[in-house]
């Protein structure tokens, strides 16, 4: 898995990410600013699914140079069975660690 350094924000990057709750409810999203978007989820700044189901832990992400690639990947993952998504997360993050846990100190 690629390590995201927050100082790399000057690069043109797009992200597909998976967030979860303590009950392992999954949310898949796409953004061009992962740090900002995760902050919004964690702080319930946007009304909707992640606020309703307390989805606030980043467990997986992928980076893309093209927004089209990221959108296509997001749609592709959203159509996967839940078990395939769980297997993808556990392949790269077996302990479901919040990858953003130290971003906002």
PDB file of N, CA and C in Angstrom:
ATOM      1  N   UNK A   1       0.855  -1.183   0.000  1.00  0.00           N
ATOM      2  CA  UNK A   1       0.000   0.000   0.000  1.00  0.00           C
ATOM      3  C   UNK A   1       0.892   1.234   0.000  1.00  0.00           C
ATOM      4  N   UNK A   2       0.510   2.221  -0.751  1.00  0.00           N
ATOM      5  CA  UNK A   2       1.239   3.480  -0.818  1.00  0.00           C
ATOM      6  C   UNK A   2       0.995   4.278   0.449  1.00  0.00           C
ATOM      7  N   UNK A   3       2.057   4.823   0.993  1.00  0.00           N
ATOM      8  CA  UNK A   3       1.946   5.669   2.170  1.00  0.00           C
ATOM      9  C   UNK A   3       1.665   7.092   1.710  1.00  0.00           C
ATOM     10  N   UNK A   4       0.630   7.675   2.233  1.00  0.00           N
ATOM     11  CA  UNK A   4       0.272   9.056   1.893  1.00  0.00           C
ATOM     12  C   UNK A   4       0.966   9.998   2.858  1.00  0.00           C
ATOM     13  N   UNK A   5       1.709  10.941   2.302  1.00  0.00           N
ATOM     14  CA  UNK A   5       2.327  11.987   3.111  1.00  0.00           C
ATOM     15  C   UNK A   5       1.533  13.258   2.877  1.00  0.00           C
ATOM     16  N   UNK A   6       1.037  13.831   3.929  1.00  0.00           N
ATOM     17  CA  UNK A   6       0.174  14.996   3.780  1.00  0.00           C
ATOM     18  C   UNK A   6       0.880  16.167   3.126  1.00  0.00           C
ATOM     19  N   UNK A   7       2.216  16.180   3.145  1.00  0.00           N
ATOM     20  CA  UNK A   7       2.959  17.253   2.488  1.00  0.00           C
ATOM     21  C   UNK A   7       2.949  17.105   0.967  1.00  0.00           C
ATOM     22  N   UNK A   8       2.450  15.988   0.451  1.00  0.00           N
ATOM     23  CA  UNK A   8       2.397  15.751  -0.983  1.00  0.00           C
ATOM     24  C   UNK A   8       1.169  16.364  -1.640  1.00  0.00           C
ATOM     25  N   UNK A   9       0.473  17.271  -0.952  1.00  0.00           N
ATOM     26  CA  UNK A   9      -0.778  17.820  -1.461  1.00  0.00           C
ATOM     27  C   UNK A   9      -0.615  18.599  -2.759  1.00  0.00           C
ATOM     28  N   UNK A  10       0.606  19.046  -3.073  1.00  0.00           N
ATOM     29  CA  UNK A  10       0.805  19.802  -4.300  1.00  0.00           C
ATOM     30  C   UNK A  10       0.684  18.926  -5.545  1.00  0.00           C
ATOM     31  N   UNK A  11       0.753  17.622  -5.384  1.00  0.00           N
ATOM     32  CA  UNK A  11       0.614  16.720  -6.517  1.00  0.00           C
ATOM     33  C   UNK A  11      -0.849  16.599  -6.911  1.00  0.00           C
ATOM     34  N   UNK A  12      -1.111  16.430  -8.192  1.00  0.00           N
ATOM     35  CA  UNK A  12      -2.477  16.248  -8.678  1.00  0.00           C
ATOM     36  C   UNK A  12      -2.830  14.786  -8.488  1.00  0.00           C
ATOM     37  N   UNK A  13      -3.604  14.498  -7.460  1.00  0.00           N
ATOM     38  CA  UNK A  13      -3.958  13.128  -7.125  1.00  0.00           C
ATOM     39  C   UNK A  13      -5.444  13.023  -6.854  1.00  0.00           C
ATOM     40  N   UNK A  14      -5.961  11.852  -7.115  1.00  0.00           N
ATOM     41  CA  UNK A  14      -7.353  11.530  -6.830  1.00  0.00           C
ATOM     42  C   UNK A  14      -7.356  10.235  -6.050  1.00  0.00           C
ATOM     43  N   UNK A  15      -8.314  10.106  -5.169  1.00  0.00           N
ATOM     44  CA  UNK A  15      -8.332   8.970  -4.253  1.00  0.00           C
ATOM     45  C   UNK A  15      -9.684   8.277  -4.265  1.00  0.00           C
ATOM     46  N   UNK A  16      -9.628   6.968  -4.191  1.00  0.00           N
ATOM     47  CA  UNK A  16     -10.790   6.156  -3.876  1.00  0.00           C
ATOM     48  C   UNK A  16     -10.482   5.602  -2.497  1.00  0.00           C
ATOM     49  N   UNK A  17     -11.440   5.690  -1.610  1.00  0.00           N
ATOM     50  CA  UNK A  17     -11.164   5.304  -0.225  1.00  0.00           C
ATOM     51  C   UNK A  17     -12.328   4.511   0.350  1.00  0.00           C
ATOM     52  N   UNK A  18     -11.996   3.739   1.373  1.00  0.00           N
ATOM     53  CA  UNK A  18     -13.021   3.003   2.110  1.00  0.00           C
ATOM     54  C   UNK A  18     -12.914   3.403   3.571  1.00  0.00           C
ATOM     55  N   UNK A  19     -14.056   3.788   4.109  1.00  0.00           N
ATOM     56  CA  UNK A  19     -14.138   4.119   5.525  1.00  0.00           C
ATOM     57  C   UNK A  19     -15.093   3.131   6.186  1.00  0.00           C
ATOM     58  N   UNK A  20     -14.964   3.023   7.492  1.00  0.00           N
ATOM     59  CA  UNK A  20     -15.800   2.081   8.224  1.00  0.00           C
ATOM     60  C   UNK A  20     -16.180   2.646   9.579  1.00  0.00           C
ATOM     61  N   UNK A  21     -17.132   1.969  10.202  1.00  0.00           N
ATOM     62  CA  UNK A  21     -17.559   2.301  11.563  1.00  0.00           C
ATOM     63  C   UNK A  21     -17.074   1.197  12.495  1.00  0.00           C
ATOM     64  N   UNK A  22     -17.353   1.332  13.774  1.00  0.00           N
ATOM     65  CA  UNK A  22     -16.977   0.279  14.723  1.00  0.00           C
ATOM     66  C   UNK A  22     -17.735  -1.015  14.461  1.00  0.00           C
ATOM     67  N   UNK A  23     -18.882  -0.920  13.799  1.00  0.00           N
ATOM     68  CA  UNK A  23     -19.654  -2.127  13.453  1.00  0.00           C
ATOM     69  C   UNK A  23     -19.311  -2.623  12.048  1.00  0.00           C
ATOM     70  N   UNK A  24     -18.299  -2.035  11.441  1.00  0.00           N
ATOM     71  CA  UNK A  24     -17.795  -2.396  10.111  1.00  0.00           C
ATOM     72  C   UNK A  24     -18.788  -2.128   8.990  1.00  0.00           C
ATOM     73  N   UNK A  25     -19.580  -1.085   9.158  1.00  0.00           N
ATOM     74  CA  UNK A  25     -20.365  -0.569   8.040  1.00  0.00           C
ATOM     75  C   UNK A  25     -19.374   0.086   7.097  1.00  0.00           C
ATOM     76  N   UNK A  26     -19.452  -0.201   5.805  1.00  0.00           N
ATOM     77  CA  UNK A  26     -18.481   0.294   4.840  1.00  0.00           C
ATOM     78  C   UNK A  26     -19.043   1.439   4.008  1.00  0.00           C
ATOM     79  N   UNK A  27     -18.157   2.372   3.684  1.00  0.00           N
ATOM     80  CA  UNK A  27     -18.494   3.485   2.793  1.00  0.00           C
ATOM     81  C   UNK A  27     -17.346   3.643   1.814  1.00  0.00           C
ATOM     82  N   UNK A  28     -17.654   3.731   0.527  1.00  0.00           N
ATOM     83  CA  UNK A  28     -16.648   3.943  -0.502  1.00  0.00           C
ATOM     84  C   UNK A  28     -16.881   5.313  -1.116  1.00  0.00           C
ATOM     85  N   UNK A  29     -15.805   6.082  -1.233  1.00  0.00           N
ATOM     86  CA  UNK A  29     -15.912   7.412  -1.807  1.00  0.00           C
ATOM     87  C   UNK A  29     -14.730   7.730  -2.700  1.00  0.00           C
ATOM     88  N   UNK A  30     -14.805   8.883  -3.352  1.00  0.00           N
ATOM     89  CA  UNK A  30     -13.748   9.379  -4.231  1.00  0.00           C
ATOM     90  C   UNK A  30     -13.566  10.862  -3.948  1.00  0.00           C
ATOM     91  N   UNK A  31     -12.326  11.323  -3.958  1.00  0.00           N
ATOM     92  CA  UNK A  31     -12.030  12.724  -3.677  1.00  0.00           C
ATOM     93  C   UNK A  31     -10.700  13.119  -4.304  1.00  0.00           C
ATOM     94  N   UNK A  32     -10.484  14.417  -4.417  1.00  0.00           N
ATOM     95  CA  UNK A  32      -9.171  14.908  -4.841  1.00  0.00           C
ATOM     96  C   UNK A  32      -8.381  15.450  -3.642  1.00  0.00           C
ATOM     97  N   UNK A  33      -8.948  15.356  -2.447  1.00  0.00           N
ATOM     98  CA  UNK A  33      -8.277  15.814  -1.231  1.00  0.00           C
ATOM     99  C   UNK A  33      -8.662  14.870  -0.086  1.00  0.00           C
ATOM    100  N   UNK A  34      -7.893  13.822   0.060  1.00  0.00           N
ATOM    101  CA  UNK A  34      -8.237  12.780   1.026  1.00  0.00           C
ATOM    102  C   UNK A  34      -8.217  13.304   2.460  1.00  0.00           C
ATOM    103  N   UNK A  35      -7.239  14.108   2.797  1.00  0.00           N
ATOM    104  CA  UNK A  35      -7.144  14.649   4.156  1.00  0.00           C
ATOM    105  C   UNK A  35      -8.401  15.445   4.522  1.00  0.00           C
ATOM    106  N   UNK A  36      -8.817  16.335   3.626  1.00  0.00           N
ATOM    107  CA  UNK A  36     -10.012  17.150   3.871  1.00  0.00           C
ATOM    108  C   UNK A  36     -11.262  16.279   3.966  1.00  0.00           C
ATOM    109  N   UNK A  37     -11.388  15.338   3.051  1.00  0.00           N
ATOM    110  CA  UNK A  37     -12.603  14.516   3.003  1.00  0.00           C
ATOM    111  C   UNK A  37     -12.728  13.638   4.239  1.00  0.00           C
ATOM    112  N   UNK A  38     -11.640  13.047   4.683  1.00  0.00           N
ATOM    113  CA  UNK A  38     -11.669  12.221   5.898  1.00  0.00           C
ATOM    114  C   UNK A  38     -12.012  13.092   7.101  1.00  0.00           C
ATOM    115  N   UNK A  39     -11.456  14.292   7.161  1.00  0.00           N
ATOM    116  CA  UNK A  39     -11.779  15.223   8.238  1.00  0.00           C
ATOM    117  C   UNK A  39     -13.280  15.500   8.259  1.00  0.00           C
ATOM    118  N   UNK A  40     -13.869  15.713   7.096  1.00  0.00           N
ATOM    119  CA  UNK A  40     -15.312  15.963   7.014  1.00  0.00           C
ATOM    120  C   UNK A  40     -16.110  14.777   7.546  1.00  0.00           C
ATOM    121  N   UNK A  41     -15.685  13.574   7.175  1.00  0.00           N
ATOM    122  CA  UNK A  41     -16.377  12.376   7.687  1.00  0.00           C
ATOM    123  C   UNK A  41     -16.235  12.271   9.201  1.00  0.00           C
ATOM    124  N   UNK A  42     -15.032  12.434   9.690  1.00  0.00           N
ATOM    125  CA  UNK A  42     -14.773  12.280  11.126  1.00  0.00           C
ATOM    126  C   UNK A  42     -15.548  13.302  11.964  1.00  0.00           C
ATOM    127  N   UNK A  43     -15.759  14.465  11.390  1.00  0.00           N
ATOM    128  CA  UNK A  43     -16.420  15.544  12.123  1.00  0.00           C
ATOM    129  C   UNK A  43     -17.874  15.749  11.711  1.00  0.00           C
ATOM    130  N   UNK A  44     -18.402  14.803  10.940  1.00  0.00           N
ATOM    131  CA  UNK A  44     -19.815  14.801  10.533  1.00  0.00           C
ATOM    132  C   UNK A  44     -20.226  16.136   9.904  1.00  0.00           C
ATOM    133  N   UNK A  45     -19.371  16.668   9.043  1.00  0.00           N
ATOM    134  CA  UNK A  45     -19.645  17.956   8.418  1.00  0.00           C
ATOM    135  C   UNK A  45     -20.616  17.847   7.250  1.00  0.00           C
ATOM    136  N   UNK A  46     -20.761  16.663   6.701  1.00  0.00           N
ATOM    137  CA  UNK A  46     -21.702  16.438   5.601  1.00  0.00           C
ATOM    138  C   UNK A  46     -22.797  15.493   6.068  1.00  0.00           C
ATOM    139  N   UNK A  47     -24.009  15.905   5.898  1.00  0.00           N
ATOM    140  CA  UNK A  47     -25.135  15.065   6.301  1.00  0.00           C
ATOM    141  C   UNK A  47     -25.243  13.898   5.320  1.00  0.00           C
ATOM    142  N   UNK A  48     -25.613  12.753   5.839  1.00  0.00           N
ATOM    143  CA  UNK A  48     -25.798  11.609   4.954  1.00  0.00           C
ATOM    144  C   UNK A  48     -25.386  10.306   5.599  1.00  0.00           C
ATOM    145  N   UNK A  49     -25.012   9.382   4.756  1.00  0.00           N
ATOM    146  CA  UNK A  49     -24.731   8.006   5.171  1.00  0.00           C
ATOM    147  C   UNK A  49     -23.671   7.911   6.260  1.00  0.00           C
ATOM    148  N   UNK A  50     -22.518   8.563   6.040  1.00  0.00           N
ATOM    149  CA  UNK A  50     -21.428   8.413   7.004  1.00  0.00           C
ATOM    150  C   UNK A  50     -21.763   9.035   8.356  1.00  0.00           C
ATOM    151  N   UNK A  51     -22.536  10.103   8.343  1.00  0.00           N
ATOM    152  CA  UNK A  51     -22.965  10.700   9.610  1.00  0.00           C
ATOM    153  C   UNK A  51     -23.960   9.772  10.307  1.00  0.00           C
ATOM    154  N   UNK A  52     -24.914   9.266   9.572  1.00  0.00           N
ATOM    155  CA  UNK A  52     -25.969   8.423  10.136  1.00  0.00           C
ATOM    156  C   UNK A  52     -25.414   7.132  10.741  1.00  0.00           C
ATOM    157  N   UNK A  53     -24.408   6.546  10.082  1.00  0.00           N
ATOM    158  CA  UNK A  53     -23.890   5.248  10.524  1.00  0.00           C
ATOM    159  C   UNK A  53     -22.536   5.345  11.226  1.00  0.00           C
ATOM    160  N   UNK A  54     -22.123   6.555  11.602  1.00  0.00           N
ATOM    161  CA  UNK A  54     -20.879   6.780  12.359  1.00  0.00           C
ATOM    162  C   UNK A  54     -19.652   6.190  11.656  1.00  0.00           C
ATOM    163  N   UNK A  55     -19.593   6.381  10.359  1.00  0.00           N
ATOM    164  CA  UNK A  55     -18.470   5.898   9.562  1.00  0.00           C
ATOM    165  C   UNK A  55     -17.373   6.954   9.635  1.00  0.00           C
ATOM    166  N   UNK A  56     -16.287   6.638  10.358  1.00  0.00           N
ATOM    167  CA  UNK A  56     -15.269   7.663  10.584  1.00  0.00           C
ATOM    168  C   UNK A  56     -13.838   7.134  10.647  1.00  0.00           C
ATOM    169  N   UNK A  57     -13.610   5.924  10.182  1.00  0.00           N
ATOM    170  CA  UNK A  57     -12.278   5.341  10.224  1.00  0.00           C
ATOM    171  C   UNK A  57     -11.827   4.975   8.809  1.00  0.00           C
ATOM    172  N   UNK A  58     -10.734   5.560   8.350  1.00  0.00           N
ATOM    173  CA  UNK A  58     -10.191   5.274   7.024  1.00  0.00           C
ATOM    174  C   UNK A  58      -9.407   3.962   7.087  1.00  0.00           C
ATOM    175  N   UNK A  59      -9.849   2.965   6.331  1.00  0.00           N
ATOM    176  CA  UNK A  59      -9.179   1.664   6.384  1.00  0.00           C
ATOM    177  C   UNK A  59      -8.494   1.270   5.081  1.00  0.00           C
ATOM    178  N   UNK A  60      -8.767   2.008   3.999  1.00  0.00           N
ATOM    179  CA  UNK A  60      -8.162   1.651   2.720  1.00  0.00           C
ATOM    180  C   UNK A  60      -8.270   2.842   1.766  1.00  0.00           C
ATOM    181  N   UNK A  61      -7.256   3.010   0.916  1.00  0.00           N
ATOM    182  CA  UNK A  61      -7.358   4.004  -0.150  1.00  0.00           C
ATOM    183  C   UNK A  61      -6.413   3.645  -1.283  1.00  0.00           C
ATOM    184  N   UNK A  62      -6.730   4.163  -2.449  1.00  0.00           N
ATOM    185  CA  UNK A  62      -5.898   4.033  -3.637  1.00  0.00           C
ATOM    186  C   UNK A  62      -5.743   5.422  -4.245  1.00  0.00           C
ATOM    187  N   UNK A  63      -4.588   5.675  -4.874  1.00  0.00           N
ATOM    188  CA  UNK A  63      -4.339   6.966  -5.520  1.00  0.00           C
ATOM    189  C   UNK A  63      -4.357   6.804  -7.035  1.00  0.00           C
ATOM    190  N   UNK A  64      -4.837   7.849  -7.705  1.00  0.00           N
ATOM    191  CA  UNK A  64      -4.899   7.875  -9.161  1.00  0.00           C
ATOM    192  C   UNK A  64      -4.464   9.244  -9.650  1.00  0.00           C
ATOM    193  N   UNK A  65      -3.928   9.292 -10.858  1.00  0.00           N
ATOM    194  CA  UNK A  65      -3.551  10.568 -11.458  1.00  0.00           C
ATOM    195  C   UNK A  65      -4.707  11.175 -12.235  1.00  0.00           C
ATOM    196  N   UNK A  66      -5.673  10.356 -12.610  1.00  0.00           N
ATOM    197  CA  UNK A  66      -6.781  10.805 -13.432  1.00  0.00           C
ATOM    198  C   UNK A  66      -8.102  10.699 -12.674  1.00  0.00           C
ATOM    199  N   UNK A  67      -8.934  11.730 -12.734  1.00  0.00           N
ATOM    200  CA  UNK A  67     -10.242  11.639 -12.078  1.00  0.00           C
ATOM    201  C   UNK A  67     -11.130  10.567 -12.712  1.00  0.00           C
ATOM    202  N   UNK A  68     -10.976  10.355 -14.004  1.00  0.00           N
ATOM    203  CA  UNK A  68     -11.776   9.333 -14.694  1.00  0.00           C
ATOM    204  C   UNK A  68     -11.443   7.948 -14.142  1.00  0.00           C
ATOM    205  N   UNK A  69     -10.146   7.677 -13.957  1.00  0.00           N
ATOM    206  CA  UNK A  69      -9.730   6.382 -13.401  1.00  0.00           C
ATOM    207  C   UNK A  69     -10.298   6.202 -11.992  1.00  0.00           C
ATOM    208  N   UNK A  70     -10.237   7.251 -11.199  1.00  0.00           N
ATOM    209  CA  UNK A  70     -10.734   7.170  -9.822  1.00  0.00           C
ATOM    210  C   UNK A  70     -12.242   6.939  -9.799  1.00  0.00           C
ATOM    211  N   UNK A  71     -12.975   7.656 -10.627  1.00  0.00           N
ATOM    212  CA  UNK A  71     -14.431   7.477 -10.681  1.00  0.00           C
ATOM    213  C   UNK A  71     -14.780   6.066 -11.133  1.00  0.00           C
ATOM    214  N   UNK A  72     -14.072   5.569 -12.155  1.00  0.00           N
ATOM    215  CA  UNK A  72     -14.326   4.207 -12.633  1.00  0.00           C
ATOM    216  C   UNK A  72     -14.041   3.183 -11.544  1.00  0.00           C
ATOM    217  N   UNK A  73     -12.947   3.374 -10.813  1.00  0.00           N
ATOM    218  CA  UNK A  73     -12.592   2.436  -9.743  1.00  0.00           C
ATOM    219  C   UNK A  73     -13.621   2.494  -8.614  1.00  0.00           C
ATOM    220  N   UNK A  74     -14.062   3.692  -8.257  1.00  0.00           N
ATOM    221  CA  UNK A  74     -15.080   3.832  -7.216  1.00  0.00           C
ATOM    222  C   UNK A  74     -16.347   3.072  -7.612  1.00  0.00           C
ATOM    223  N   UNK A  75     -16.814   3.279  -8.818  1.00  0.00           N
ATOM    224  CA  UNK A  75     -18.019   2.584  -9.288  1.00  0.00           C
ATOM    225  C   UNK A  75     -17.819   1.069  -9.280  1.00  0.00           C
ATOM    226  N   UNK A  76     -16.652   0.641  -9.708  1.00  0.00           N
ATOM    227  CA  UNK A  76     -16.323  -0.782  -9.745  1.00  0.00           C
ATOM    228  C   UNK A  76     -16.379  -1.392  -8.346  1.00  0.00           C
ATOM    229  N   UNK A  77     -15.725  -0.742  -7.387  1.00  0.00           N
ATOM    230  CA  UNK A  77     -15.714  -1.258  -6.008  1.00  0.00           C
ATOM    231  C   UNK A  77     -17.107  -1.240  -5.386  1.00  0.00           C
ATOM    232  N   UNK A  78     -17.880  -0.222  -5.679  1.00  0.00           N
ATOM    233  CA  UNK A  78     -19.229  -0.142  -5.114  1.00  0.00           C
ATOM    234  C   UNK A  78     -20.119  -1.292  -5.586  1.00  0.00           C
ATOM    235  N   UNK A  79     -19.792  -1.856  -6.740  1.00  0.00           N
ATOM    236  CA  UNK A  79     -20.569  -2.982  -7.255  1.00  0.00           C
ATOM    237  C   UNK A  79     -20.085  -4.339  -6.745  1.00  0.00           C
ATOM    238  N   UNK A  80     -18.995  -4.350  -6.006  1.00  0.00           N
ATOM    239  CA  UNK A  80     -18.484  -5.597  -5.444  1.00  0.00           C
ATOM    240  C   UNK A  80     -19.391  -6.100  -4.334  1.00  0.00           C
ATOM    241  N   UNK A  81     -19.353  -7.394  -4.118  1.00  0.00           N
ATOM    242  CA  UNK A  81     -20.001  -7.979  -2.938  1.00  0.00           C
ATOM    243  C   UNK A  81     -19.250  -7.510  -1.697  1.00  0.00           C
ATOM    244  N   UNK A  82     -19.970  -7.428  -0.605  1.00  0.00           N
ATOM    245  CA  UNK A  82     -19.362  -6.987   0.651  1.00  0.00           C
ATOM    246  C   UNK A  82     -18.124  -7.812   1.001  1.00  0.00           C
ATOM    247  N   UNK A  83     -18.198  -9.114   0.850  1.00  0.00           N
ATOM    248  CA  UNK A  83     -17.082  -9.986   1.222  1.00  0.00           C
ATOM    249  C   UNK A  83     -15.819  -9.652   0.430  1.00  0.00           C
ATOM    250  N   UNK A  84     -15.964  -9.291  -0.822  1.00  0.00           N
ATOM    251  CA  UNK A  84     -14.801  -8.924  -1.624  1.00  0.00           C
ATOM    252  C   UNK A  84     -14.173  -7.641  -1.104  1.00  0.00           C
ATOM    253  N   UNK A  85     -14.995  -6.708  -0.664  1.00  0.00           N
ATOM    254  CA  UNK A  85     -14.489  -5.455  -0.098  1.00  0.00           C
ATOM    255  C   UNK A  85     -13.733  -5.728   1.196  1.00  0.00           C
ATOM    256  N   UNK A  86     -14.301  -6.594   2.036  1.00  0.00           N
ATOM    257  CA  UNK A  86     -13.651  -6.963   3.295  1.00  0.00           C
ATOM    258  C   UNK A  86     -12.298  -7.619   3.005  1.00  0.00           C
ATOM    259  N   UNK A  87     -12.260  -8.506   2.027  1.00  0.00           N
ATOM    260  CA  UNK A  87     -11.007  -9.180   1.673  1.00  0.00           C
ATOM    261  C   UNK A  87      -9.970  -8.184   1.156  1.00  0.00           C
ATOM    262  N   UNK A  88     -10.406  -7.197   0.382  1.00  0.00           N
ATOM    263  CA  UNK A  88      -9.484  -6.164  -0.104  1.00  0.00           C
ATOM    264  C   UNK A  88      -8.887  -5.394   1.072  1.00  0.00           C
ATOM    265  N   UNK A  89      -9.721  -4.982   1.994  1.00  0.00           N
ATOM    266  CA  UNK A  89      -9.241  -4.253   3.175  1.00  0.00           C
ATOM    267  C   UNK A  89      -8.272  -5.124   3.964  1.00  0.00           C
ATOM    268  N   UNK A  90      -8.665  -6.355   4.238  1.00  0.00           N
ATOM    269  CA  UNK A  90      -7.842  -7.224   5.093  1.00  0.00           C
ATOM    270  C   UNK A  90      -6.535  -7.643   4.429  1.00  0.00           C
ATOM    271  N   UNK A  91      -6.484  -7.633   3.105  1.00  0.00           N
ATOM    272  CA  UNK A  91      -5.231  -7.929   2.406  1.00  0.00           C
ATOM    273  C   UNK A  91      -4.192  -6.843   2.696  1.00  0.00           C
ATOM    274  N   UNK A  92      -4.636  -5.591   2.764  1.00  0.00           N
ATOM    275  CA  UNK A  92      -3.720  -4.458   2.945  1.00  0.00           C
ATOM    276  C   UNK A  92      -3.707  -3.905   4.368  1.00  0.00           C
ATOM    277  N   UNK A  93      -4.750  -4.156   5.121  1.00  0.00           N
ATOM    278  CA  UNK A  93      -4.894  -3.594   6.468  1.00  0.00           C
ATOM    279  C   UNK A  93      -5.627  -4.615   7.341  1.00  0.00           C
ATOM    280  N   UNK A  94      -4.957  -5.736   7.662  1.00  0.00           N
ATOM    281  CA  UNK A  94      -5.632  -6.855   8.335  1.00  0.00           C
ATOM    282  C   UNK A  94      -6.243  -6.517   9.697  1.00  0.00           C
ATOM    283  N   UNK A  95      -5.719  -5.515  10.355  1.00  0.00           N
ATOM    284  CA  UNK A  95      -6.243  -5.149  11.674  1.00  0.00           C
ATOM    285  C   UNK A  95      -7.248  -3.996  11.605  1.00  0.00           C
ATOM    286  N   UNK A  96      -7.608  -3.583  10.415  1.00  0.00           N
ATOM    287  CA  UNK A  96      -8.566  -2.500  10.210  1.00  0.00           C
ATOM    288  C   UNK A  96      -8.144  -1.235  10.975  1.00  0.00           C
ATOM    289  N   UNK A  97      -6.863  -0.923  10.952  1.00  0.00           N
ATOM    290  CA  UNK A  97      -6.327   0.262  11.622  1.00  0.00           C
ATOM    291  C   UNK A  97      -6.808   1.510  10.886  1.00  0.00           C
ATOM    292  N   UNK A  98      -7.151   2.539  11.635  1.00  0.00           N
ATOM    293  CA  UNK A  98      -7.531   3.817  11.031  1.00  0.00           C
ATOM    294  C   UNK A  98      -6.266   4.465  10.472  1.00  0.00           C
ATOM    295  N   UNK A  99      -6.142   4.505   9.152  1.00  0.00           N
ATOM    296  CA  UNK A  99      -4.943   5.017   8.499  1.00  0.00           C
ATOM    297  C   UNK A  99      -4.770   6.519   8.677  1.00  0.00           C
ATOM    298  N   UNK A 100      -5.798   7.182   9.140  1.00  0.00           N
ATOM    299  CA  UNK A 100      -5.746   8.633   9.348  1.00  0.00           C
ATOM    300  C   UNK A 100      -5.689   9.009  10.824  1.00  0.00           C
ATOM    301  N   UNK A 101      -5.398   8.053  11.669  1.00  0.00           N
ATOM    302  CA  UNK A 101      -5.494   8.295  13.118  1.00  0.00           C
ATOM    303  C   UNK A 101      -4.567   9.397  13.627  1.00  0.00           C
ATOM    304  N   UNK A 102      -3.470   9.659  12.939  1.00  0.00           N
ATOM    305  CA  UNK A 102      -2.545  10.691  13.412  1.00  0.00           C
ATOM    306  C   UNK A 102      -2.497  11.917  12.494  1.00  0.00           C
ATOM    307  N   UNK A 103      -3.472  12.081  11.648  1.00  0.00           N
ATOM    308  CA  UNK A 103      -3.467  13.202  10.708  1.00  0.00           C
ATOM    309  C   UNK A 103      -3.875  14.534  11.345  1.00  0.00           C
ATOM    310  N   UNK A 104      -4.608  14.511  12.414  1.00  0.00           N
ATOM    311  CA  UNK A 104      -5.233  15.752  12.916  1.00  0.00           C
ATOM    312  C   UNK A 104      -4.823  16.069  14.343  1.00  0.00           C
ATOM    313  N   UNK A 105      -3.586  15.836  14.673  1.00  0.00           N
ATOM    314  CA  UNK A 105      -3.134  16.100  16.048  1.00  0.00           C
ATOM    315  C   UNK A 105      -2.883  17.571  16.273  1.00  0.00           C
TER     316      UNK A 105
END
